[in-house]
PDB file of all heavy atoms in Angstrom:
ATOM      1  N   ASN A   1     -56.457  27.256  48.748  1.00  0.00           N
ATOM      2  CA  ASN A   1     -56.681  28.228  47.672  1.00  0.00           C
ATOM      3  C   ASN A   1     -55.806  29.460  47.865  1.00  0.00           C
ATOM      4  O   ASN A   1     -56.242  30.591  47.644  1.00  0.00           O
ATOM      5  CB  ASN A   1     -58.155  28.638  47.604  1.00  0.00           C
ATOM      6  CG  ASN A   1     -59.089  27.474  47.455  1.00  0.00           C
ATOM      7  OD1 ASN A   1     -58.787  26.512  46.748  1.00  0.00           O
ATOM      8  ND2 ASN A   1     -60.236  27.540  48.109  1.00  0.00           N
ATOM      9  N   THR A   2     -54.585  29.235  48.249  1.00  0.00           N
ATOM     10  CA  THR A   2     -53.705  30.316  48.644  1.00  0.00           C
ATOM     11  C   THR A   2     -52.335  30.166  48.002  1.00  0.00           C
ATOM     12  O   THR A   2     -51.821  29.055  47.888  1.00  0.00           O
ATOM     13  CB  THR A   2     -53.556  30.361  50.173  1.00  0.00           C
ATOM     14  OG1 THR A   2     -54.842  30.557  50.771  1.00  0.00           O
ATOM     15  CG2 THR A   2     -52.634  31.488  50.609  1.00  0.00           C
ATOM     16  N   ILE A   3     -51.771  31.293  47.593  1.00  0.00           N
ATOM     17  CA  ILE A   3     -50.385  31.315  47.163  1.00  0.00           C
ATOM     18  C   ILE A   3     -49.599  32.220  48.091  1.00  0.00           C
ATOM     19  O   ILE A   3     -50.155  33.087  48.770  1.00  0.00           O
ATOM     20  CB  ILE A   3     -50.210  31.773  45.700  1.00  0.00           C
ATOM     21  CG1 ILE A   3     -50.626  33.244  45.530  1.00  0.00           C
ATOM     22  CG2 ILE A   3     -50.974  30.862  44.761  1.00  0.00           C
ATOM     23  CD1 ILE A   3     -50.163  33.843  44.211  1.00  0.00           C
ATOM     24  N   TYR A   4     -48.295  32.017  48.085  1.00  0.00           N
ATOM     25  CA  TYR A   4     -47.408  32.770  48.944  1.00  0.00           C
ATOM     26  C   TYR A   4     -46.226  33.281  48.140  1.00  0.00           C
ATOM     27  O   TYR A   4     -45.873  32.726  47.104  1.00  0.00           O
ATOM     28  CB  TYR A   4     -46.886  31.896  50.091  1.00  0.00           C
ATOM     29  CG  TYR A   4     -47.967  31.221  50.887  1.00  0.00           C
ATOM     30  CD1 TYR A   4     -48.415  29.944  50.546  1.00  0.00           C
ATOM     31  CD2 TYR A   4     -48.548  31.852  51.976  1.00  0.00           C
ATOM     32  CE1 TYR A   4     -49.412  29.316  51.272  1.00  0.00           C
ATOM     33  CE2 TYR A   4     -49.549  31.236  52.708  1.00  0.00           C
ATOM     34  CZ  TYR A   4     -49.977  29.975  52.359  1.00  0.00           C
ATOM     35  OH  TYR A   4     -50.967  29.359  53.079  1.00  0.00           O
ATOM     36  N   LEU A   5     -45.636  34.322  48.637  1.00  0.00           N
ATOM     37  CA  LEU A   5     -44.390  34.809  48.088  1.00  0.00           C
ATOM     38  C   LEU A   5     -43.428  35.025  49.244  1.00  0.00           C
ATOM     39  O   LEU A   5     -43.585  35.976  50.017  1.00  0.00           O
ATOM     40  CB  LEU A   5     -44.582  36.109  47.303  1.00  0.00           C
ATOM     41  CG  LEU A   5     -43.336  36.621  46.580  1.00  0.00           C
ATOM     42  CD1 LEU A   5     -42.943  35.670  45.448  1.00  0.00           C
ATOM     43  CD2 LEU A   5     -43.559  38.027  46.042  1.00  0.00           C
ATOM     44  N   GLN A   6     -42.477  34.125  49.369  1.00  0.00           N
ATOM     45  CA  GLN A   6     -41.446  34.252  50.384  1.00  0.00           C
ATOM     46  C   GLN A   6     -40.329  35.112  49.818  1.00  0.00           C
ATOM     47  O   GLN A   6     -39.708  34.739  48.822  1.00  0.00           O
ATOM     48  CB  GLN A   6     -40.908  32.881  50.791  1.00  0.00           C
ATOM     49  CG  GLN A   6     -39.792  32.922  51.821  1.00  0.00           C
ATOM     50  CD  GLN A   6     -40.256  33.441  53.158  1.00  0.00           C
ATOM     51  OE1 GLN A   6     -41.286  33.010  53.669  1.00  0.00           O
ATOM     52  NE2 GLN A   6     -39.510  34.365  53.735  1.00  0.00           N
ATOM     53  N   MET A   7     -40.091  36.240  50.437  1.00  0.00           N
ATOM     54  CA  MET A   7     -39.110  37.198  49.959  1.00  0.00           C
ATOM     55  C   MET A   7     -37.960  37.255  50.949  1.00  0.00           C
ATOM     56  O   MET A   7     -38.141  37.661  52.096  1.00  0.00           O
ATOM     57  CB  MET A   7     -39.740  38.577  49.776  1.00  0.00           C
ATOM     58  CG  MET A   7     -40.938  38.577  48.837  1.00  0.00           C
ATOM     59  SD  MET A   7     -41.632  40.235  48.573  1.00  0.00           S
ATOM     60  CE  MET A   7     -42.315  40.537  50.203  1.00  0.00           C
ATOM     61  N   ASN A   8     -36.792  36.854  50.498  1.00  0.00           N
ATOM     62  CA  ASN A   8     -35.592  36.879  51.314  1.00  0.00           C
ATOM     63  C   ASN A   8     -34.595  37.881  50.745  1.00  0.00           C
ATOM     64  O   ASN A   8     -34.676  38.270  49.582  1.00  0.00           O
ATOM     65  CB  ASN A   8     -34.951  35.491  51.375  1.00  0.00           C
ATOM     66  CG  ASN A   8     -35.834  34.459  52.031  1.00  0.00           C
ATOM     67  OD1 ASN A   8     -36.623  34.769  52.924  1.00  0.00           O
ATOM     68  ND2 ASN A   8     -35.700  33.213  51.596  1.00  0.00           N
ATOM     69  N   SER A   9     -33.654  38.271  51.571  1.00  0.00           N
ATOM     70  CA  SER A   9     -32.607  39.204  51.159  1.00  0.00           C
ATOM     71  C   SER A   9     -33.191  40.428  50.468  1.00  0.00           C
ATOM     72  O   SER A   9     -32.743  40.842  49.397  1.00  0.00           O
ATOM     73  CB  SER A   9     -31.601  38.497  50.243  1.00  0.00           C
ATOM     74  OG  SER A   9     -31.011  37.389  50.886  1.00  0.00           O
ATOM     75  N   LEU A  10     -34.172  41.009  51.097  1.00  0.00           N
ATOM     76  CA  LEU A  10     -34.875  42.134  50.490  1.00  0.00           C
ATOM     77  C   LEU A  10     -33.958  43.335  50.309  1.00  0.00           C
ATOM     78  O   LEU A  10     -33.086  43.605  51.136  1.00  0.00           O
ATOM     79  CB  LEU A  10     -36.080  42.518  51.334  1.00  0.00           C
ATOM     80  CG  LEU A  10     -37.290  41.597  51.164  1.00  0.00           C
ATOM     81  CD1 LEU A  10     -38.278  41.784  52.299  1.00  0.00           C
ATOM     82  CD2 LEU A  10     -37.959  41.850  49.819  1.00  0.00           C
ATOM     83  N   LYS A  11     -34.180  44.039  49.212  1.00  0.00           N
ATOM     84  CA  LYS A  11     -33.414  45.216  48.859  1.00  0.00           C
ATOM     85  C   LYS A  11     -34.335  46.418  48.770  1.00  0.00           C
ATOM     86  O   LYS A  11     -35.532  46.265  48.522  1.00  0.00           O
ATOM     87  CB  LYS A  11     -32.721  45.012  47.506  1.00  0.00           C
ATOM     88  CG  LYS A  11     -31.838  43.783  47.419  1.00  0.00           C
ATOM     89  CD  LYS A  11     -31.312  43.603  46.002  1.00  0.00           C
ATOM     90  CE  LYS A  11     -30.442  42.375  45.891  1.00  0.00           C
ATOM     91  NZ  LYS A  11     -29.949  42.181  44.497  1.00  0.00           N
ATOM     92  N   PRO A  12     -33.801  47.614  48.950  1.00  0.00           N
ATOM     93  CA  PRO A  12     -34.651  48.799  48.806  1.00  0.00           C
ATOM     94  C   PRO A  12     -35.367  48.870  47.467  1.00  0.00           C
ATOM     95  O   PRO A  12     -36.499  49.367  47.408  1.00  0.00           O
ATOM     96  CB  PRO A  12     -33.661  49.955  48.970  1.00  0.00           C
ATOM     97  CG  PRO A  12     -32.611  49.407  49.858  1.00  0.00           C
ATOM     98  CD  PRO A  12     -32.458  47.962  49.440  1.00  0.00           C
ATOM     99  N   GLU A  13     -34.750  48.370  46.415  1.00  0.00           N
ATOM    100  CA  GLU A  13     -35.384  48.392  45.107  1.00  0.00           C
ATOM    101  C   GLU A  13     -36.557  47.422  44.990  1.00  0.00           C
ATOM    102  O   GLU A  13     -37.270  47.434  43.984  1.00  0.00           O
ATOM    103  CB  GLU A  13     -34.369  48.117  43.989  1.00  0.00           C
ATOM    104  CG  GLU A  13     -33.515  46.886  44.222  1.00  0.00           C
ATOM    105  CD  GLU A  13     -32.164  47.224  44.816  1.00  0.00           C
ATOM    106  OE1 GLU A  13     -32.110  48.049  45.756  1.00  0.00           O
ATOM    107  OE2 GLU A  13     -31.151  46.673  44.339  1.00  0.00           O
ATOM    108  N   ASP A  14     -36.758  46.579  45.996  1.00  0.00           N
ATOM    109  CA  ASP A  14     -37.943  45.730  46.040  1.00  0.00           C
ATOM    110  C   ASP A  14     -39.170  46.482  46.543  1.00  0.00           C
ATOM    111  O   ASP A  14     -40.279  45.936  46.512  1.00  0.00           O
ATOM    112  CB  ASP A  14     -37.702  44.510  46.933  1.00  0.00           C
ATOM    113  CG  ASP A  14     -36.646  43.572  46.384  1.00  0.00           C
ATOM    114  OD1 ASP A  14     -36.639  43.336  45.154  1.00  0.00           O
ATOM    115  OD2 ASP A  14     -35.834  43.069  47.181  1.00  0.00           O
ATOM    116  N   THR A  15     -38.978  47.685  47.017  1.00  0.00           N
ATOM    117  CA  THR A  15     -40.091  48.485  47.515  1.00  0.00           C
ATOM    118  C   THR A  15     -41.108  48.725  46.412  1.00  0.00           C
ATOM    119  O   THR A  15     -40.772  49.232  45.343  1.00  0.00           O
ATOM    120  CB  THR A  15     -39.590  49.821  48.067  1.00  0.00           C
ATOM    121  OG1 THR A  15     -38.754  49.589  49.202  1.00  0.00           O
ATOM    122  CG2 THR A  15     -40.758  50.709  48.477  1.00  0.00           C
ATOM    123  N   ALA A  16     -42.344  48.349  46.677  1.00  0.00           N
ATOM    124  CA  ALA A  16     -43.407  48.470  45.683  1.00  0.00           C
ATOM    125  C   ALA A  16     -44.718  48.023  46.303  1.00  0.00           C
ATOM    126  O   ALA A  16     -44.748  47.454  47.394  1.00  0.00           O
ATOM    127  CB  ALA A  16     -43.101  47.611  44.450  1.00  0.00           C
ATOM    128  N   VAL A  17     -45.789  48.276  45.587  1.00  0.00           N
ATOM    129  CA  VAL A  17     -47.061  47.645  45.891  1.00  0.00           C
ATOM    130  C   VAL A  17     -47.081  46.315  45.170  1.00  0.00           C
ATOM    131  O   VAL A  17     -46.890  46.259  43.951  1.00  0.00           O
ATOM    132  CB  VAL A  17     -48.256  48.508  45.468  1.00  0.00           C
ATOM    133  CG1 VAL A  17     -49.566  47.780  45.743  1.00  0.00           C
ATOM    134  CG2 VAL A  17     -48.235  49.844  46.201  1.00  0.00           C
ATOM    135  N   TYR A  18     -47.315  45.259  45.900  1.00  0.00           N
ATOM    136  CA  TYR A  18     -47.339  43.924  45.335  1.00  0.00           C
ATOM    137  C   TYR A  18     -48.775  43.474  45.126  1.00  0.00           C
ATOM    138  O   TYR A  18     -49.598  43.546  46.038  1.00  0.00           O
ATOM    139  CB  TYR A  18     -46.605  42.940  46.245  1.00  0.00           C
ATOM    140  CG  TYR A  18     -45.105  43.062  46.155  1.00  0.00           C
ATOM    141  CD1 TYR A  18     -44.458  44.181  46.670  1.00  0.00           C
ATOM    142  CD2 TYR A  18     -44.342  42.079  45.535  1.00  0.00           C
ATOM    143  CE1 TYR A  18     -43.082  44.317  46.566  1.00  0.00           C
ATOM    144  CE2 TYR A  18     -42.969  42.210  45.434  1.00  0.00           C
ATOM    145  CZ  TYR A  18     -42.341  43.326  45.946  1.00  0.00           C
ATOM    146  OH  TYR A  18     -40.979  43.455  45.849  1.00  0.00           O
ATOM    147  N   TYR A  19     -49.056  43.011  43.919  1.00  0.00           N
ATOM    148  CA  TYR A  19     -50.400  42.596  43.539  1.00  0.00           C
ATOM    149  C   TYR A  19     -50.448  41.109  43.256  1.00  0.00           C
ATOM    150  O   TYR A  19     -49.585  40.568  42.568  1.00  0.00           O
ATOM    151  CB  TYR A  19     -50.862  43.347  42.287  1.00  0.00           C
ATOM    152  CG  TYR A  19     -50.993  44.840  42.460  1.00  0.00           C
ATOM    153  CD1 TYR A  19     -49.934  45.691  42.188  1.00  0.00           C
ATOM    154  CD2 TYR A  19     -52.193  45.397  42.895  1.00  0.00           C
ATOM    155  CE1 TYR A  19     -50.055  47.063  42.344  1.00  0.00           C
ATOM    156  CE2 TYR A  19     -52.321  46.762  43.047  1.00  0.00           C
ATOM    157  CZ  TYR A  19     -51.253  47.598  42.771  1.00  0.00           C
ATOM    158  OH  TYR A  19     -51.380  48.951  42.923  1.00  0.00           O
ATOM    159  N   CYS A  20     -51.455  40.480  43.764  1.00  0.00           N
ATOM    160  CA  CYS A  20     -51.746  39.095  43.439  1.00  0.00           C
ATOM    161  C   CYS A  20     -52.632  39.054  42.204  1.00  0.00           C
ATOM    162  O   CYS A  20     -53.503  39.912  42.022  1.00  0.00           O
ATOM    163  CB  CYS A  20     -52.438  38.417  44.615  1.00  0.00           C
ATOM    164  SG  CYS A  20     -52.853  36.681  44.365  1.00  0.00           S
ATOM    165  N   ALA A  21     -52.411  38.070  41.350  1.00  0.00           N
ATOM    166  CA  ALA A  21     -53.201  37.937  40.137  1.00  0.00           C
ATOM    167  C   ALA A  21     -53.495  36.477  39.852  1.00  0.00           C
ATOM    168  O   ALA A  21     -52.780  35.580  40.305  1.00  0.00           O
ATOM    169  CB  ALA A  21     -52.467  38.565  38.947  1.00  0.00           C
ATOM    170  N   ALA A  22     -54.546  36.257  39.084  1.00  0.00           N
ATOM    171  CA  ALA A  22     -54.933  34.905  38.696  1.00  0.00           C
ATOM    172  C   ALA A  22     -55.587  34.936  37.334  1.00  0.00           C
ATOM    173  O   ALA A  22     -56.192  35.937  36.942  1.00  0.00           O
ATOM    174  CB  ALA A  22     -55.888  34.294  39.721  1.00  0.00           C
ATOM    175  N   GLY A  23     -55.478  33.831  36.609  1.00  0.00           N
ATOM    176  CA  GLY A  23     -56.118  33.731  35.318  1.00  0.00           C
ATOM    177  C   GLY A  23     -55.685  32.491  34.569  1.00  0.00           C
ATOM    178  O   GLY A  23     -54.725  31.830  34.956  1.00  0.00           O
ATOM    179  N   PRO A  24     -56.400  32.191  33.500  1.00  0.00           N
ATOM    180  CA  PRO A  24     -56.039  31.023  32.707  1.00  0.00           C
ATOM    181  C   PRO A  24     -54.759  31.258  31.929  1.00  0.00           C
ATOM    182  O   PRO A  24     -54.367  32.396  31.672  1.00  0.00           O
ATOM    183  CB  PRO A  24     -57.242  30.860  31.773  1.00  0.00           C
ATOM    184  CG  PRO A  24     -57.782  32.241  31.628  1.00  0.00           C
ATOM    185  CD  PRO A  24     -57.564  32.900  32.963  1.00  0.00           C
ATOM    186  N   GLY A  25     -54.137  30.184  31.546  1.00  0.00           N
ATOM    187  CA  GLY A  25     -52.915  30.286  30.777  1.00  0.00           C
ATOM    188  C   GLY A  25     -51.704  30.526  31.653  1.00  0.00           C
ATOM    189  O   GLY A  25     -51.755  30.413  32.883  1.00  0.00           O
ATOM    190  N   SER A  26     -50.616  30.900  31.018  1.00  0.00           N
ATOM    191  CA  SER A  26     -49.347  31.040  31.711  1.00  0.00           C
ATOM    192  C   SER A  26     -49.105  32.431  32.285  1.00  0.00           C
ATOM    193  O   SER A  26     -48.189  32.613  33.091  1.00  0.00           O
ATOM    194  CB  SER A  26     -48.194  30.686  30.766  1.00  0.00           C
ATOM    195  OG  SER A  26     -48.171  31.549  29.643  1.00  0.00           O
ATOM    196  N   TYR A  27     -49.902  33.404  31.882  1.00  0.00           N
ATOM    197  CA  TYR A  27     -49.744  34.778  32.341  1.00  0.00           C
ATOM    198  C   TYR A  27     -51.053  35.248  32.956  1.00  0.00           C
ATOM    199  O   TYR A  27     -51.989  35.607  32.245  1.00  0.00           O
ATOM    200  CB  TYR A  27     -49.333  35.683  31.182  1.00  0.00           C
ATOM    201  CG  TYR A  27     -48.860  37.044  31.600  1.00  0.00           C
ATOM    202  CD1 TYR A  27     -47.539  37.245  31.991  1.00  0.00           C
ATOM    203  CD2 TYR A  27     -49.718  38.127  31.602  1.00  0.00           C
ATOM    204  CE1 TYR A  27     -47.096  38.498  32.369  1.00  0.00           C
ATOM    205  CE2 TYR A  27     -49.286  39.385  31.984  1.00  0.00           C
ATOM    206  CZ  TYR A  27     -47.974  39.568  32.367  1.00  0.00           C
ATOM    207  OH  TYR A  27     -47.529  40.816  32.741  1.00  0.00           O
ATOM    208  N   PRO A  28     -51.154  35.274  34.286  1.00  0.00           N
ATOM    209  CA  PRO A  28     -52.428  35.593  34.935  1.00  0.00           C
ATOM    210  C   PRO A  28     -52.730  37.084  34.894  1.00  0.00           C
ATOM    211  O   PRO A  28     -51.937  37.905  35.377  1.00  0.00           O
ATOM    212  CB  PRO A  28     -52.206  35.110  36.373  1.00  0.00           C
ATOM    213  CG  PRO A  28     -50.728  35.239  36.580  1.00  0.00           C
ATOM    214  CD  PRO A  28     -50.111  34.906  35.262  1.00  0.00           C
ATOM    215  N   ASN A  29     -53.867  37.422  34.336  1.00  0.00           N
ATOM    216  CA  ASN A  29     -54.278  38.819  34.295  1.00  0.00           C
ATOM    217  C   ASN A  29     -55.788  39.007  34.320  1.00  0.00           C
ATOM    218  O   ASN A  29     -56.273  40.108  34.082  1.00  0.00           O
ATOM    219  CB  ASN A  29     -53.691  39.519  33.074  1.00  0.00           C
ATOM    220  CG  ASN A  29     -54.172  38.937  31.759  1.00  0.00           C
ATOM    221  OD1 ASN A  29     -54.933  37.976  31.732  1.00  0.00           O
ATOM    222  ND2 ASN A  29     -53.720  39.523  30.664  1.00  0.00           N
ATOM    223  N   ALA A  30     -56.540  37.958  34.604  1.00  0.00           N
ATOM    224  CA  ALA A  30     -57.994  38.056  34.620  1.00  0.00           C
ATOM    225  C   ALA A  30     -58.531  38.630  35.930  1.00  0.00           C
ATOM    226  O   ALA A  30     -59.543  39.324  35.932  1.00  0.00           O
ATOM    227  CB  ALA A  30     -58.616  36.690  34.354  1.00  0.00           C
ATOM    228  N   TYR A  31     -57.871  38.344  37.031  1.00  0.00           N
ATOM    229  CA  TYR A  31     -58.309  38.793  38.345  1.00  0.00           C
ATOM    230  C   TYR A  31     -57.118  39.364  39.091  1.00  0.00           C
ATOM    231  O   TYR A  31     -55.999  38.862  38.992  1.00  0.00           O
ATOM    232  CB  TYR A  31     -58.928  37.640  39.145  1.00  0.00           C
ATOM    233  CG  TYR A  31     -60.052  36.945  38.426  1.00  0.00           C
ATOM    234  CD1 TYR A  31     -59.833  35.769  37.731  1.00  0.00           C
ATOM    235  CD2 TYR A  31     -61.335  37.480  38.443  1.00  0.00           C
ATOM    236  CE1 TYR A  31     -60.869  35.135  37.061  1.00  0.00           C
ATOM    237  CE2 TYR A  31     -62.372  36.851  37.772  1.00  0.00           C
ATOM    238  CZ  TYR A  31     -62.131  35.678  37.085  1.00  0.00           C
ATOM    239  OH  TYR A  31     -63.158  35.049  36.421  1.00  0.00           O
ATOM    240  N   TRP A  32     -57.410  40.401  39.868  1.00  0.00           N
ATOM    241  CA  TRP A  32     -56.353  41.093  40.608  1.00  0.00           C
ATOM    242  C   TRP A  32     -56.766  41.362  42.034  1.00  0.00           C
ATOM    243  O   TRP A  32     -57.934  41.641  42.316  1.00  0.00           O
ATOM    244  CB  TRP A  32     -56.018  42.429  39.935  1.00  0.00           C
ATOM    245  CG  TRP A  32     -55.388  42.283  38.593  1.00  0.00           C
ATOM    246  CD1 TRP A  32     -56.020  42.213  37.391  1.00  0.00           C
ATOM    247  CD2 TRP A  32     -53.987  42.191  38.314  1.00  0.00           C
ATOM    248  NE1 TRP A  32     -55.104  42.080  36.378  1.00  0.00           N
ATOM    249  CE2 TRP A  32     -53.854  42.066  36.911  1.00  0.00           C
ATOM    250  CE3 TRP A  32     -52.848  42.207  39.108  1.00  0.00           C
ATOM    251  CZ2 TRP A  32     -52.612  41.958  36.288  1.00  0.00           C
ATOM    252  CZ3 TRP A  32     -51.616  42.095  38.494  1.00  0.00           C
ATOM    253  CH2 TRP A  32     -51.500  41.976  37.102  1.00  0.00           C
TER     254      TRP A  32
END
């Protein structure tokens, strides 16, 4: 029940708070 995000060649512009999300359909926004 786990997803991953492998981030390579990171750039300073990748700096951010990263949020996991889930939901029905193609755009998950029901749970954060």
